[in-house]
PDB file of N, CA and C in Angstrom:
ATOM      1  N   MET A   1      11.868  11.008  24.900  1.00  0.00           N
ATOM      2  CA  MET A   1      12.501  11.007  24.105  1.00  0.00           C
ATOM      3  C   MET A   1      12.414  12.255  23.000  1.00  0.00           C
ATOM      4  N   VAL A   2      12.720  13.249  21.890  1.00  0.00           N
ATOM      5  CA  VAL A   2      12.042  13.724  21.224  1.00  0.00           C
ATOM      6  C   VAL A   2      13.469  13.458  19.987  1.00  0.00           C
ATOM      7  N   GLU A   3      12.740  13.370  19.314  1.00  0.00           N
ATOM      8  CA  GLU A   3      13.302  13.181  17.771  1.00  0.00           C
ATOM      9  C   GLU A   3      12.859  14.336  16.562  1.00  0.00           C
ATOM     10  N   THR A   4      13.745  14.398  15.220  1.00  0.00           N
ATOM     11  CA  THR A   4      13.384  15.085  14.586  1.00  0.00           C
ATOM     12  C   THR A   4      13.855  13.923  13.230  1.00  0.00           C
ATOM     13  N   ARG A   5      12.817  14.380  12.371  1.00  0.00           N
ATOM     14  CA  ARG A   5      12.994  13.470  11.067  1.00  0.00           C
ATOM     15  C   ARG A   5      12.761  14.129   9.669  1.00  0.00           C
ATOM     16  N   LYS A   6      13.370  14.072   8.777  1.00  0.00           N
ATOM     17  CA  LYS A   6      13.039  15.011   7.282  1.00  0.00           C
ATOM     18  C   LYS A   6      12.315  13.269   6.697  1.00  0.00           C
ATOM     19  N   ILE A   7      11.333  13.978   6.265  1.00  0.00           N
ATOM     20  CA  ILE A   7      10.090  12.894   5.214  1.00  0.00           C
ATOM     21  C   ILE A   7       9.361  13.845   3.863  1.00  0.00           C
ATOM     22  N   ILE A   8       9.622  13.030   2.894  1.00  0.00           N
ATOM     23  CA  ILE A   8       9.015  13.355   1.795  1.00  0.00           C
ATOM     24  C   ILE A   8       7.427  13.410   1.684  1.00  0.00           C
ATOM     25  N   CYS A   9       6.569  14.284   1.793  1.00  0.00           N
ATOM     26  CA  CYS A   9       5.508  13.851   1.834  1.00  0.00           C
ATOM     27  C   CYS A   9       4.805  13.498   0.192  1.00  0.00           C
ATOM     28  N   THR A  10       3.719  12.699   0.028  1.00  0.00           N
ATOM     29  CA  THR A  10       3.121  12.119  -0.904  1.00  0.00           C
ATOM     30  C   THR A  10       1.637  12.379  -1.148  1.00  0.00           C
ATOM     31  N   SER A  11       1.186  13.187  -0.555  1.00  0.00           N
ATOM     32  CA  SER A  11      -0.394  13.105  -0.273  1.00  0.00           C
ATOM     33  C   SER A  11      -0.656  14.016  -1.326  1.00  0.00           C
ATOM     34  N   CYS A  12      -0.355  14.741  -1.853  1.00  0.00           N
ATOM     35  CA  CYS A  12      -0.130  15.895  -3.129  1.00  0.00           C
ATOM     36  C   CYS A  12       0.978  15.674  -3.976  1.00  0.00           C
ATOM     37  N   PRO A  13       0.665  15.880  -5.259  1.00  0.00           N
ATOM     38  CA  PRO A  13       2.369  16.186  -6.284  1.00  0.00           C
ATOM     39  C   PRO A  13       3.252  17.047  -5.559  1.00  0.00           C
ATOM     40  N   MET A  14       3.282  18.285  -5.031  1.00  0.00           N
ATOM     41  CA  MET A  14       3.896  18.913  -4.745  1.00  0.00           C
ATOM     42  C   MET A  14       5.305  18.053  -3.992  1.00  0.00           C
ATOM     43  N   GLY A  15       5.197  17.207  -3.336  1.00  0.00           N
ATOM     44  CA  GLY A  15       6.354  16.720  -2.935  1.00  0.00           C
ATOM     45  C   GLY A  15       7.177  17.319  -1.746  1.00  0.00           C
ATOM     46  N   CYS A  16       6.613  18.220  -0.903  1.00  0.00           N
ATOM     47  CA  CYS A  16       6.846  18.696   0.245  1.00  0.00           C
ATOM     48  C   CYS A  16       8.121  18.168   1.066  1.00  0.00           C
ATOM     49  N   GLU A  17       9.411  18.656   1.239  1.00  0.00           N
ATOM     50  CA  GLU A  17      10.055  17.837   2.666  1.00  0.00           C
ATOM     51  C   GLU A  17       9.519  18.749   3.839  1.00  0.00           C
ATOM     52  N   LEU A  18       9.717  17.554   4.135  1.00  0.00           N
ATOM     53  CA  LEU A  18       8.508  17.900   6.019  1.00  0.00           C
ATOM     54  C   LEU A  18      10.265  17.407   7.222  1.00  0.00           C
ATOM     55  N   THR A  19       9.991  18.633   7.800  1.00  0.00           N
ATOM     56  CA  THR A  19      10.515  18.089   9.256  1.00  0.00           C
ATOM     57  C   THR A  19      10.082  18.283   9.886  1.00  0.00           C
ATOM     58  N   VAL A  20       9.540  16.873  10.782  1.00  0.00           N
ATOM     59  CA  VAL A  20       8.873  16.569  11.642  1.00  0.00           C
ATOM     60  C   VAL A  20       9.910  16.101  12.879  1.00  0.00           C
ATOM     61  N   THR A  21       9.172  16.767  13.900  1.00  0.00           N
ATOM     62  CA  THR A  21       9.303  16.661  15.178  1.00  0.00           C
ATOM     63  C   THR A  21       8.641  15.890  16.303  1.00  0.00           C
ATOM     64  N   PHE A  22       8.779  15.107  16.631  1.00  0.00           N
ATOM     65  CA  PHE A  22       7.929  14.347  17.806  1.00  0.00           C
ATOM     66  C   PHE A  22       8.336  13.269  18.990  1.00  0.00           C
ATOM     67  N   ASP A  23       7.706  12.997  19.551  1.00  0.00           N
ATOM     68  CA  ASP A  23       8.001  11.826  20.666  1.00  0.00           C
ATOM     69  C   ASP A  23       7.760  10.609  20.631  1.00  0.00           C
ATOM     70  N   GLU A  24       7.646   9.963  21.333  1.00  0.00           N
ATOM     71  CA  GLU A  24       6.752   8.587  21.480  1.00  0.00           C
ATOM     72  C   GLU A  24       5.173   8.529  21.304  1.00  0.00           C
ATOM     73  N   GLU A  25       4.550   9.785  22.068  1.00  0.00           N
ATOM     74  CA  GLU A  25       3.337   9.483  22.400  1.00  0.00           C
ATOM     75  C   GLU A  25       2.681  10.488  20.925  1.00  0.00           C
ATOM     76  N   LYS A  26       3.504  11.594  20.693  1.00  0.00           N
ATOM     77  CA  LYS A  26       2.777  12.965  19.317  1.00  0.00           C
ATOM     78  C   LYS A  26       3.708  13.465  18.506  1.00  0.00           C
ATOM     79  N   VAL A  27       3.230  13.776  17.594  1.00  0.00           N
ATOM     80  CA  VAL A  27       3.666  14.886  16.792  1.00  0.00           C
ATOM     81  C   VAL A  27       4.221  16.037  17.655  1.00  0.00           C
ATOM     82  N   ILE A  28       4.765  16.592  17.759  1.00  0.00           N
ATOM     83  CA  ILE A  28       4.995  17.583  17.921  1.00  0.00           C
ATOM     84  C   ILE A  28       5.039  19.069  17.141  1.00  0.00           C
ATOM     85  N   GLU A  29       5.530  19.097  16.136  1.00  0.00           N
ATOM     86  CA  GLU A  29       5.656  20.316  14.980  1.00  0.00           C
ATOM     87  C   GLU A  29       6.144  19.581  13.965  1.00  0.00           C
ATOM     88  N   VAL A  30       5.468  20.210  12.660  1.00  0.00           N
ATOM     89  CA  VAL A  30       5.514  19.915  11.257  1.00  0.00           C
ATOM     90  C   VAL A  30       5.956  21.395  10.797  1.00  0.00           C
ATOM     91  N   LYS A  31       7.135  21.182   9.741  1.00  0.00           N
ATOM     92  CA  LYS A  31       7.418  22.108   9.343  1.00  0.00           C
ATOM     93  C   LYS A  31       7.694  21.769   7.340  1.00  0.00           C
ATOM     94  N   GLY A  32       7.423  22.859   6.716  1.00  0.00           N
ATOM     95  CA  GLY A  32       7.547  22.204   5.383  1.00  0.00           C
ATOM     96  C   GLY A  32       6.450  21.429   4.859  1.00  0.00           C
ATOM     97  N   ASN A  33       5.602  21.644   5.274  1.00  0.00           N
ATOM     98  CA  ASN A  33       4.458  21.835   4.387  1.00  0.00           C
ATOM     99  C   ASN A  33       3.496  22.832   3.657  1.00  0.00           C
ATOM    100  N   ALA A  34       3.216  22.489   2.541  1.00  0.00           N
ATOM    101  CA  ALA A  34       2.780  23.365   1.587  1.00  0.00           C
ATOM    102  C   ALA A  34       1.274  23.723   1.717  1.00  0.00           C
ATOM    103  N   CYS A  35       0.741  22.438   2.377  1.00  0.00           N
ATOM    104  CA  CYS A  35      -0.675  22.096   2.393  1.00  0.00           C
ATOM    105  C   CYS A  35      -1.031  21.853   3.513  1.00  0.00           C
ATOM    106  N   PRO A  36      -2.354  21.735   4.125  1.00  0.00           N
ATOM    107  CA  PRO A  36      -2.921  20.801   5.444  1.00  0.00           C
ATOM    108  C   PRO A  36      -2.295  19.426   5.312  1.00  0.00           C
ATOM    109  N   LEU A  37      -2.380  18.873   3.981  1.00  0.00           N
ATOM    110  CA  LEU A  37      -2.419  17.343   4.272  1.00  0.00           C
ATOM    111  C   LEU A  37      -0.962  17.169   4.525  1.00  0.00           C
ATOM    112  N   GLY A  38       0.048  17.640   4.697  1.00  0.00           N
ATOM    113  CA  GLY A  38       1.221  17.510   5.022  1.00  0.00           C
ATOM    114  C   GLY A  38       1.419  17.291   6.266  1.00  0.00           C
ATOM    115  N   ALA A  39       0.657  17.677   7.224  1.00  0.00           N
ATOM    116  CA  ALA A  39       0.160  17.440   8.829  1.00  0.00           C
ATOM    117  C   ALA A  39       0.292  16.236   8.941  1.00  0.00           C
ATOM    118  N   ASP A  40      -1.191  15.658   8.189  1.00  0.00           N
ATOM    119  CA  ASP A  40      -1.804  14.497   8.521  1.00  0.00           C
ATOM    120  C   ASP A  40      -0.848  13.330   8.366  1.00  0.00           C
ATOM    121  N   TYR A  41      -0.300  13.941   6.861  1.00  0.00           N
ATOM    122  CA  TYR A  41       0.353  12.281   6.538  1.00  0.00           C
ATOM    123  C   TYR A  41       1.854  12.443   7.303  1.00  0.00           C
ATOM    124  N   ALA A  42       2.667  13.725   7.433  1.00  0.00           N
ATOM    125  CA  ALA A  42       3.517  12.987   9.033  1.00  0.00           C
ATOM    126  C   ALA A  42       3.028  12.352  10.339  1.00  0.00           C
ATOM    127  N   LYS A  43       2.214  12.450  10.753  1.00  0.00           N
ATOM    128  CA  LYS A  43       1.401  11.984  11.893  1.00  0.00           C
ATOM    129  C   LYS A  43       1.078  10.156  11.447  1.00  0.00           C
ATOM    130  N   GLN A  44       0.605  10.000  10.568  1.00  0.00           N
ATOM    131  CA  GLN A  44       0.397   8.848   9.875  1.00  0.00           C
ATOM    132  C   GLN A  44       1.905   8.307   9.364  1.00  0.00           C
ATOM    133  N   GLU A  45       2.957   8.620   8.993  1.00  0.00           N
ATOM    134  CA  GLU A  45       4.077   8.106   8.015  1.00  0.00           C
ATOM    135  C   GLU A  45       5.083   7.928   9.796  1.00  0.00           C
ATOM    136  N   ILE A  46       4.926   8.707  10.782  1.00  0.00           N
ATOM    137  CA  ILE A  46       5.875   8.693  11.976  1.00  0.00           C
ATOM    138  C   ILE A  46       5.302   7.370  12.877  1.00  0.00           C
ATOM    139  N   PHE A  47       3.863   7.105  13.149  1.00  0.00           N
ATOM    140  CA  PHE A  47       3.634   6.391  13.961  1.00  0.00           C
ATOM    141  C   PHE A  47       3.182   5.069  13.138  1.00  0.00           C
ATOM    142  N   ASP A  48       2.496   5.201  12.130  1.00  0.00           N
ATOM    143  CA  ASP A  48       1.650   4.270  11.072  1.00  0.00           C
ATOM    144  C   ASP A  48       2.280   4.151   9.616  1.00  0.00           C
ATOM    145  N   PRO A  49       3.516   4.408   9.562  1.00  0.00           N
ATOM    146  CA  PRO A  49       3.339   3.795   7.710  1.00  0.00           C
ATOM    147  C   PRO A  49       2.775   2.765   7.557  1.00  0.00           C
ATOM    148  N   ARG A  50       2.015   3.048   5.692  1.00  0.00           N
ATOM    149  CA  ARG A  50       1.297   2.424   5.319  1.00  0.00           C
ATOM    150  C   ARG A  50       2.005   2.501   3.700  1.00  0.00           C
ATOM    151  N   ARG A  51       1.736   1.710   2.912  1.00  0.00           N
ATOM    152  CA  ARG A  51       2.092   1.465   1.528  1.00  0.00           C
ATOM    153  C   ARG A  51       1.025   1.253   0.567  1.00  0.00           C
ATOM    154  N   MET A  52       0.834   1.237  -0.362  1.00  0.00           N
ATOM    155  CA  MET A  52       0.118   0.272  -1.235  1.00  0.00           C
ATOM    156  C   MET A  52       1.323  -0.923  -1.816  1.00  0.00           C
ATOM    157  N   VAL A  53       0.758  -2.079  -2.246  1.00  0.00           N
ATOM    158  CA  VAL A  53       1.455  -2.694  -2.302  1.00  0.00           C
ATOM    159  C   VAL A  53       1.187  -3.568  -4.039  1.00  0.00           C
ATOM    160  N   ALA A  54       1.821  -3.592  -5.219  1.00  0.00           N
ATOM    161  CA  ALA A  54       1.373  -3.919  -6.309  1.00  0.00           C
ATOM    162  C   ALA A  54       2.044  -5.361  -6.508  1.00  0.00           C
ATOM    163  N   SER A  55       1.680  -6.547  -6.952  1.00  0.00           N
ATOM    164  CA  SER A  55       2.315  -7.691  -7.265  1.00  0.00           C
ATOM    165  C   SER A  55       1.801  -8.202  -8.677  1.00  0.00           C
ATOM    166  N   THR A  56       1.624  -9.850  -9.158  1.00  0.00           N
ATOM    167  CA  THR A  56       1.453 -10.190  -9.844  1.00  0.00           C
ATOM    168  C   THR A  56       1.131 -11.435  -9.139  1.00  0.00           C
ATOM    169  N   VAL A  57       0.144 -12.511  -9.759  1.00  0.00           N
ATOM    170  CA  VAL A  57      -0.376 -13.400  -9.572  1.00  0.00           C
ATOM    171  C   VAL A  57      -0.661 -14.681 -10.700  1.00  0.00           C
ATOM    172  N   ARG A  58      -0.485 -15.826 -10.298  1.00  0.00           N
ATOM    173  CA  ARG A  58      -0.329 -17.102 -11.228  1.00  0.00           C
ATOM    174  C   ARG A  58      -1.687 -16.828 -11.779  1.00  0.00           C
ATOM    175  N   VAL A  59      -2.087 -16.974 -13.347  1.00  0.00           N
ATOM    176  CA  VAL A  59      -3.276 -17.347 -14.001  1.00  0.00           C
ATOM    177  C   VAL A  59      -2.759 -18.819 -14.514  1.00  0.00           C
ATOM    178  N   ARG A  60      -4.021 -19.636 -14.211  1.00  0.00           N
ATOM    179  CA  ARG A  60      -3.936 -20.764 -15.054  1.00  0.00           C
ATOM    180  C   ARG A  60      -5.140 -21.028 -16.359  1.00  0.00           C
ATOM    181  N   ASN A  61      -4.638 -21.277 -17.339  1.00  0.00           N
ATOM    182  CA  ASN A  61      -5.676 -21.016 -18.811  1.00  0.00           C
ATOM    183  C   ASN A  61      -5.779 -19.784 -19.694  1.00  0.00           C
ATOM    184  N   GLY A  62      -5.301 -18.670 -18.649  1.00  0.00           N
ATOM    185  CA  GLY A  62      -5.304 -17.803 -19.298  1.00  0.00           C
ATOM    186  C   GLY A  62      -4.445 -16.440 -20.264  1.00  0.00           C
ATOM    187  N   TYR A  63      -4.840 -15.982 -20.877  1.00  0.00           N
ATOM    188  CA  TYR A  63      -4.117 -15.461 -21.827  1.00  0.00           C
ATOM    189  C   TYR A  63      -2.731 -15.324 -22.130  1.00  0.00           C
ATOM    190  N   HIS A  64      -2.294 -14.775 -20.663  1.00  0.00           N
ATOM    191  CA  HIS A  64      -1.286 -14.081 -20.113  1.00  0.00           C
ATOM    192  C   HIS A  64      -1.075 -15.799 -19.036  1.00  0.00           C
ATOM    193  N   PRO A  65       0.195 -15.816 -18.316  1.00  0.00           N
ATOM    194  CA  PRO A  65       0.609 -16.693 -17.260  1.00  0.00           C
ATOM    195  C   PRO A  65       0.212 -15.336 -15.911  1.00  0.00           C
ATOM    196  N   LEU A  66       0.547 -14.460 -15.972  1.00  0.00           N
ATOM    197  CA  LEU A  66       0.135 -13.469 -14.967  1.00  0.00           C
ATOM    198  C   LEU A  66      -0.978 -12.806 -14.426  1.00  0.00           C
ATOM    199  N   VAL A  67      -1.682 -12.318 -13.481  1.00  0.00           N
ATOM    200  CA  VAL A  67      -1.985 -10.802 -13.992  1.00  0.00           C
ATOM    201  C   VAL A  67      -1.920  -9.736 -12.710  1.00  0.00           C
ATOM    202  N   PRO A  68      -1.710  -8.569 -12.974  1.00  0.00           N
ATOM    203  CA  PRO A  68      -1.270  -7.802 -11.959  1.00  0.00           C
ATOM    204  C   PRO A  68      -2.470  -7.764 -10.979  1.00  0.00           C
ATOM    205  N   VAL A  69      -1.646  -7.693  -9.865  1.00  0.00           N
ATOM    206  CA  VAL A  69      -2.898  -7.361  -8.701  1.00  0.00           C
ATOM    207  C   VAL A  69      -2.157  -6.133  -7.664  1.00  0.00           C
ATOM    208  N   TYR A  70      -3.185  -5.726  -6.678  1.00  0.00           N
ATOM    209  CA  TYR A  70      -2.571  -4.890  -5.536  1.00  0.00           C
ATOM    210  C   TYR A  70      -3.211  -4.879  -4.609  1.00  0.00           C
ATOM    211  N   THR A  71      -2.979  -3.802  -3.849  1.00  0.00           N
ATOM    212  CA  THR A  71      -4.041  -4.095  -2.517  1.00  0.00           C
ATOM    213  C   THR A  71      -4.960  -2.630  -2.470  1.00  0.00           C
ATOM    214  N   GLU A  72      -5.942  -3.124  -1.877  1.00  0.00           N
ATOM    215  CA  GLU A  72      -7.204  -1.991  -2.136  1.00  0.00           C
ATOM    216  C   GLU A  72      -7.045  -0.843  -1.542  1.00  0.00           C
ATOM    217  N   LYS A  73      -6.529  -0.957  -0.592  1.00  0.00           N
ATOM    218  CA  LYS A  73      -5.748   0.702   0.468  1.00  0.00           C
ATOM    219  C   LYS A  73      -4.128   0.168   1.084  1.00  0.00           C
ATOM    220  N   PRO A  74      -4.049   0.985   1.595  1.00  0.00           N
ATOM    221  CA  PRO A  74      -2.317   0.691   2.073  1.00  0.00           C
ATOM    222  C   PRO A  74      -2.359  -0.010   3.215  1.00  0.00           C
ATOM    223  N   VAL A  75      -1.184  -0.711   3.415  1.00  0.00           N
ATOM    224  CA  VAL A  75      -0.976  -1.951   4.138  1.00  0.00           C
ATOM    225  C   VAL A  75       0.042  -1.753   5.043  1.00  0.00           C
ATOM    226  N   PRO A  76      -0.228  -1.658   6.224  1.00  0.00           N
ATOM    227  CA  PRO A  76       1.037  -1.380   7.590  1.00  0.00           C
ATOM    228  C   PRO A  76       2.394  -2.171   6.755  1.00  0.00           C
ATOM    229  N   LYS A  77       3.393  -0.573   6.606  1.00  0.00           N
ATOM    230  CA  LYS A  77       4.790  -0.822   6.025  1.00  0.00           C
ATOM    231  C   LYS A  77       4.993  -1.818   6.349  1.00  0.00           C
ATOM    232  N   PRO A  78       5.354  -2.756   7.818  1.00  0.00           N
ATOM    233  CA  PRO A  78       5.781  -3.985   8.186  1.00  0.00           C
ATOM    234  C   PRO A  78       5.848  -5.188   7.930  1.00  0.00           C
ATOM    235  N   ILE A  79       4.315  -5.130   7.457  1.00  0.00           N
ATOM    236  CA  ILE A  79       3.813  -6.999   7.108  1.00  0.00           C
ATOM    237  C   ILE A  79       3.843  -6.862   5.120  1.00  0.00           C
ATOM    238  N   ILE A  80       4.551  -5.996   4.612  1.00  0.00           N
ATOM    239  CA  ILE A  80       4.469  -5.807   3.030  1.00  0.00           C
ATOM    240  C   ILE A  80       5.687  -7.298   2.964  1.00  0.00           C
ATOM    241  N   MET A  81       6.209  -7.753   3.672  1.00  0.00           N
ATOM    242  CA  MET A  81       6.704  -9.004   2.562  1.00  0.00           C
ATOM    243  C   MET A  81       5.854  -9.867   2.624  1.00  0.00           C
ATOM    244  N   ASP A  82       5.001 -10.486   4.157  1.00  0.00           N
ATOM    245  CA  ASP A  82       4.082 -11.227   4.655  1.00  0.00           C
ATOM    246  C   ASP A  82       3.132 -11.128   3.620  1.00  0.00           C
ATOM    247  N   VAL A  83       2.665  -9.845   3.445  1.00  0.00           N
ATOM    248  CA  VAL A  83       1.854  -9.579   2.124  1.00  0.00           C
ATOM    249  C   VAL A  83       2.063 -10.003   0.990  1.00  0.00           C
ATOM    250  N   LEU A  84       3.355  -9.803   0.207  1.00  0.00           N
ATOM    251  CA  LEU A  84       3.705 -10.587  -0.705  1.00  0.00           C
ATOM    252  C   LEU A  84       4.023 -11.949  -0.624  1.00  0.00           C
ATOM    253  N   ALA A  85       4.153 -12.309   0.415  1.00  0.00           N
ATOM    254  CA  ALA A  85       4.489 -14.014   0.492  1.00  0.00           C
ATOM    255  C   ALA A  85       3.103 -14.630   0.618  1.00  0.00           C
ATOM    256  N   GLU A  86       1.812 -14.274   0.864  1.00  0.00           N
ATOM    257  CA  GLU A  86       0.831 -14.538   0.853  1.00  0.00           C
ATOM    258  C   GLU A  86      -0.157 -14.713  -0.523  1.00  0.00           C
ATOM    259  N   ILE A  87       0.320 -13.272  -1.372  1.00  0.00           N
ATOM    260  CA  ILE A  87       0.110 -13.282  -2.772  1.00  0.00           C
ATOM    261  C   ILE A  87       0.942 -14.370  -3.740  1.00  0.00           C
ATOM    262  N   ARG A  88       2.295 -14.436  -3.323  1.00  0.00           N
ATOM    263  CA  ARG A  88       2.942 -15.440  -3.949  1.00  0.00           C
ATOM    264  C   ARG A  88       2.018 -16.755  -3.890  1.00  0.00           C
ATOM    265  N   LYS A  89       1.348 -17.755  -2.884  1.00  0.00           N
ATOM    266  CA  LYS A  89       0.977 -18.579  -3.077  1.00  0.00           C
ATOM    267  C   LYS A  89      -0.290 -18.611  -3.848  1.00  0.00           C
ATOM    268  N   VAL A  90      -0.875 -17.477  -4.019  1.00  0.00           N
ATOM    269  CA  VAL A  90      -2.188 -17.888  -4.824  1.00  0.00           C
ATOM    270  C   VAL A  90      -1.930 -18.269  -6.220  1.00  0.00           C
ATOM    271  N   GLU A  91      -3.172 -18.798  -7.004  1.00  0.00           N
ATOM    272  CA  GLU A  91      -3.170 -19.336  -8.243  1.00  0.00           C
ATOM    273  C   GLU A  91      -4.444 -19.360  -8.800  1.00  0.00           C
ATOM    274  N   VAL A  92      -4.838 -18.377 -10.190  1.00  0.00           N
ATOM    275  CA  VAL A  92      -6.478 -18.538  -9.926  1.00  0.00           C
ATOM    276  C   VAL A  92      -6.305 -18.721 -11.769  1.00  0.00           C
ATOM    277  N   GLU A  93      -7.936 -19.048 -11.936  1.00  0.00           N
ATOM    278  CA  GLU A  93      -8.320 -19.775 -12.956  1.00  0.00           C
ATOM    279  C   GLU A  93      -8.864 -18.309 -13.560  1.00  0.00           C
ATOM    280  N   ALA A  94      -8.232 -18.725 -14.712  1.00  0.00           N
ATOM    281  CA  ALA A  94      -8.972 -17.027 -16.119  1.00  0.00           C
ATOM    282  C   ALA A  94     -10.329 -17.527 -16.323  1.00  0.00           C
ATOM    283  N   PRO A  95     -11.654 -16.726 -16.377  1.00  0.00           N
ATOM    284  CA  PRO A  95     -10.978 -15.234 -16.907  1.00  0.00           C
ATOM    285  C   PRO A  95     -11.214 -14.427 -15.653  1.00  0.00           C
ATOM    286  N   ILE A  96     -10.243 -13.785 -15.486  1.00  0.00           N
ATOM    287  CA  ILE A  96     -10.497 -12.447 -14.730  1.00  0.00           C
ATOM    288  C   ILE A  96     -10.610 -11.331 -15.042  1.00  0.00           C
ATOM    289  N   SER A  97     -11.470 -10.461 -14.103  1.00  0.00           N
ATOM    290  CA  SER A  97     -12.085  -9.318 -14.712  1.00  0.00           C
ATOM    291  C   SER A  97     -11.067  -8.199 -13.639  1.00  0.00           C
ATOM    292  N   ILE A  98     -10.945  -7.071 -14.504  1.00  0.00           N
ATOM    293  CA  ILE A  98     -10.471  -5.881 -13.539  1.00  0.00           C
ATOM    294  C   ILE A  98     -11.510  -5.525 -12.346  1.00  0.00           C
ATOM    295  N   ASN A  99     -10.739  -5.424 -11.005  1.00  0.00           N
ATOM    296  CA  ASN A  99     -11.317  -5.390  -9.445  1.00  0.00           C
ATOM    297  C   ASN A  99     -11.899  -6.743  -8.808  1.00  0.00           C
ATOM    298  N   ASP A 100     -11.430  -7.612  -9.348  1.00  0.00           N
ATOM    299  CA  ASP A 100     -11.923  -9.272  -9.427  1.00  0.00           C
ATOM    300  C   ASP A 100     -11.481  -9.513  -7.694  1.00  0.00           C
ATOM    301  N   VAL A 101     -11.853  -9.476  -6.854  1.00  0.00           N
ATOM    302  CA  VAL A 101     -10.668  -9.760  -5.386  1.00  0.00           C
ATOM    303  C   VAL A 101      -9.797 -11.188  -5.466  1.00  0.00           C
ATOM    304  N   ILE A 102      -9.196 -11.122  -5.359  1.00  0.00           N
ATOM    305  CA  ILE A 102      -7.961 -12.197  -5.584  1.00  0.00           C
ATOM    306  C   ILE A 102      -7.694 -12.954  -4.365  1.00  0.00           C
ATOM    307  N   VAL A 103      -7.389 -11.846  -3.412  1.00  0.00           N
ATOM    308  CA  VAL A 103      -7.091 -12.118  -1.691  1.00  0.00           C
ATOM    309  C   VAL A 103      -8.047 -11.252  -0.957  1.00  0.00           C
ATOM    310  N   GLU A 104      -9.068 -12.291  -0.311  1.00  0.00           N
ATOM    311  CA  GLU A 104      -9.998 -11.349   0.514  1.00  0.00           C
ATOM    312  C   GLU A 104      -9.197 -11.126   1.712  1.00  0.00           C
ATOM    313  N   ASN A 105      -9.449 -10.150   2.618  1.00  0.00           N
ATOM    314  CA  ASN A 105      -8.877  -9.984   3.837  1.00  0.00           C
ATOM    315  C   ASN A 105      -7.518 -11.110   4.253  1.00  0.00           C
ATOM    316  N   VAL A 106      -6.428 -10.456   3.298  1.00  0.00           N
ATOM    317  CA  VAL A 106      -5.043 -10.778   3.622  1.00  0.00           C
ATOM    318  C   VAL A 106      -4.952 -10.388   4.774  1.00  0.00           C
ATOM    319  N   LEU A 107      -3.719 -11.790   5.317  1.00  0.00           N
ATOM    320  CA  LEU A 107      -3.348 -11.565   6.527  1.00  0.00           C
ATOM    321  C   LEU A 107      -4.420 -10.698   7.825  1.00  0.00           C
ATOM    322  N   ASP A 108      -6.019 -11.059   7.977  1.00  0.00           N
ATOM    323  CA  ASP A 108      -6.380 -10.639   8.686  1.00  0.00           C
ATOM    324  C   ASP A 108      -6.251  -8.903   8.977  1.00  0.00           C
ATOM    325  N   THR A 109      -6.107  -8.379   8.051  1.00  0.00           N
ATOM    326  CA  THR A 109      -5.998  -6.926   7.627  1.00  0.00           C
ATOM    327  C   THR A 109      -7.069  -6.339   7.459  1.00  0.00           C
ATOM    328  N   GLY A 110      -8.364  -6.635   6.484  1.00  0.00           N
ATOM    329  CA  GLY A 110      -9.365  -5.955   6.412  1.00  0.00           C
ATOM    330  C   GLY A 110      -9.318  -5.690   4.969  1.00  0.00           C
ATOM    331  N   ILE A 111      -8.061  -6.087   4.379  1.00  0.00           N
ATOM    332  CA  ILE A 111      -7.399  -5.506   2.943  1.00  0.00           C
ATOM    333  C   ILE A 111      -7.620  -6.260   1.925  1.00  0.00           C
ATOM    334  N   ASN A 112      -8.126  -6.266   0.919  1.00  0.00           N
ATOM    335  CA  ASN A 112      -8.131  -7.174  -0.018  1.00  0.00           C
ATOM    336  C   ASN A 112      -7.290  -7.062  -1.502  1.00  0.00           C
ATOM    337  N   ILE A 113      -6.843  -7.643  -1.929  1.00  0.00           N
ATOM    338  CA  ILE A 113      -6.183  -7.931  -3.090  1.00  0.00           C
ATOM    339  C   ILE A 113      -6.631  -8.101  -4.367  1.00  0.00           C
ATOM    340  N   ILE A 114      -7.163  -7.144  -5.133  1.00  0.00           N
ATOM    341  CA  ILE A 114      -7.868  -7.110  -6.202  1.00  0.00           C
ATOM    342  C   ILE A 114      -7.253  -6.899  -7.784  1.00  0.00           C
ATOM    343  N   ALA A 115      -7.336  -7.475  -8.547  1.00  0.00           N
ATOM    344  CA  ALA A 115      -7.303  -7.371  -9.927  1.00  0.00           C
ATOM    345  C   ALA A 115      -6.715  -5.849 -10.990  1.00  0.00           C
ATOM    346  N   SER A 116      -6.073  -5.518 -11.335  1.00  0.00           N
ATOM    347  CA  SER A 116      -5.996  -4.908 -12.033  1.00  0.00           C
ATOM    348  C   SER A 116      -6.231  -4.636 -13.353  1.00  0.00           C
ATOM    349  N   ARG A 117      -6.122  -5.251 -13.875  1.00  0.00           N
ATOM    350  CA  ARG A 117      -6.711  -5.929 -15.476  1.00  0.00           C
ATOM    351  C   ARG A 117      -8.097  -6.712 -16.263  1.00  0.00           C
ATOM    352  N   ASN A 118      -7.861  -6.832 -16.771  1.00  0.00           N
ATOM    353  CA  ASN A 118      -9.089  -8.172 -17.587  1.00  0.00           C
ATOM    354  C   ASN A 118      -8.003  -8.942 -17.749  1.00  0.00           C
ATOM    355  N   LEU A 119      -8.342 -10.385 -17.787  1.00  0.00           N
ATOM    356  CA  LEU A 119      -7.722 -11.366 -18.196  1.00  0.00           C
ATOM    357  C   LEU A 119      -8.006 -12.557 -18.685  1.00  0.00           C
ATOM    358  N   PRO A 120      -8.263 -12.666 -19.967  1.00  0.00           N
ATOM    359  CA  PRO A 120      -9.469 -13.668 -20.504  1.00  0.00           C
ATOM    360  C   PRO A 120      -9.031 -14.894 -20.976  1.00  0.00           C
ATOM    361  N   LYS A 121     -10.066 -15.773 -21.300  1.00  0.00           N
ATOM    362  CA  LYS A 121      -9.546 -17.534 -21.148  1.00  0.00           C
ATOM    363  C   LYS A 121      -8.349 -17.321 -22.350  1.00  0.00           C
ATOM    364  N   ALA A 122      -7.235 -18.240 -22.385  1.00  0.00           N
ATOM    365  CA  ALA A 122      -6.397 -18.478 -23.705  1.00  0.00           C
ATOM    366  C   ALA A 122      -6.604 -19.245 -24.838  1.00  0.00           C
TER     367      ALA A 122
END
């Protein structure tokens, strides 16, 4: 069955509105992209949508009680809530340095959760 969907490309700042025609196996046509990134984005978004995830993790003995974290790479959209549930289970000890790995290989995705700021001891 052939479908058509409109999506907004986020590959570059242009934010093109793409019209994507596809079937169960492949993208047939992409219209509306101002650059070649749009076609690649459309294929990814239709068959394997992924998003970056940002959250916070509890910190013991830190200057602040939470440290902001994010995924090293985009994770598959269907497991975002599971990733967030794993992040909520974590508590770390201060000090924390920016880019420290807080959760390694979350949910066996090969993607790490990393700290996005320094957090000294209290």
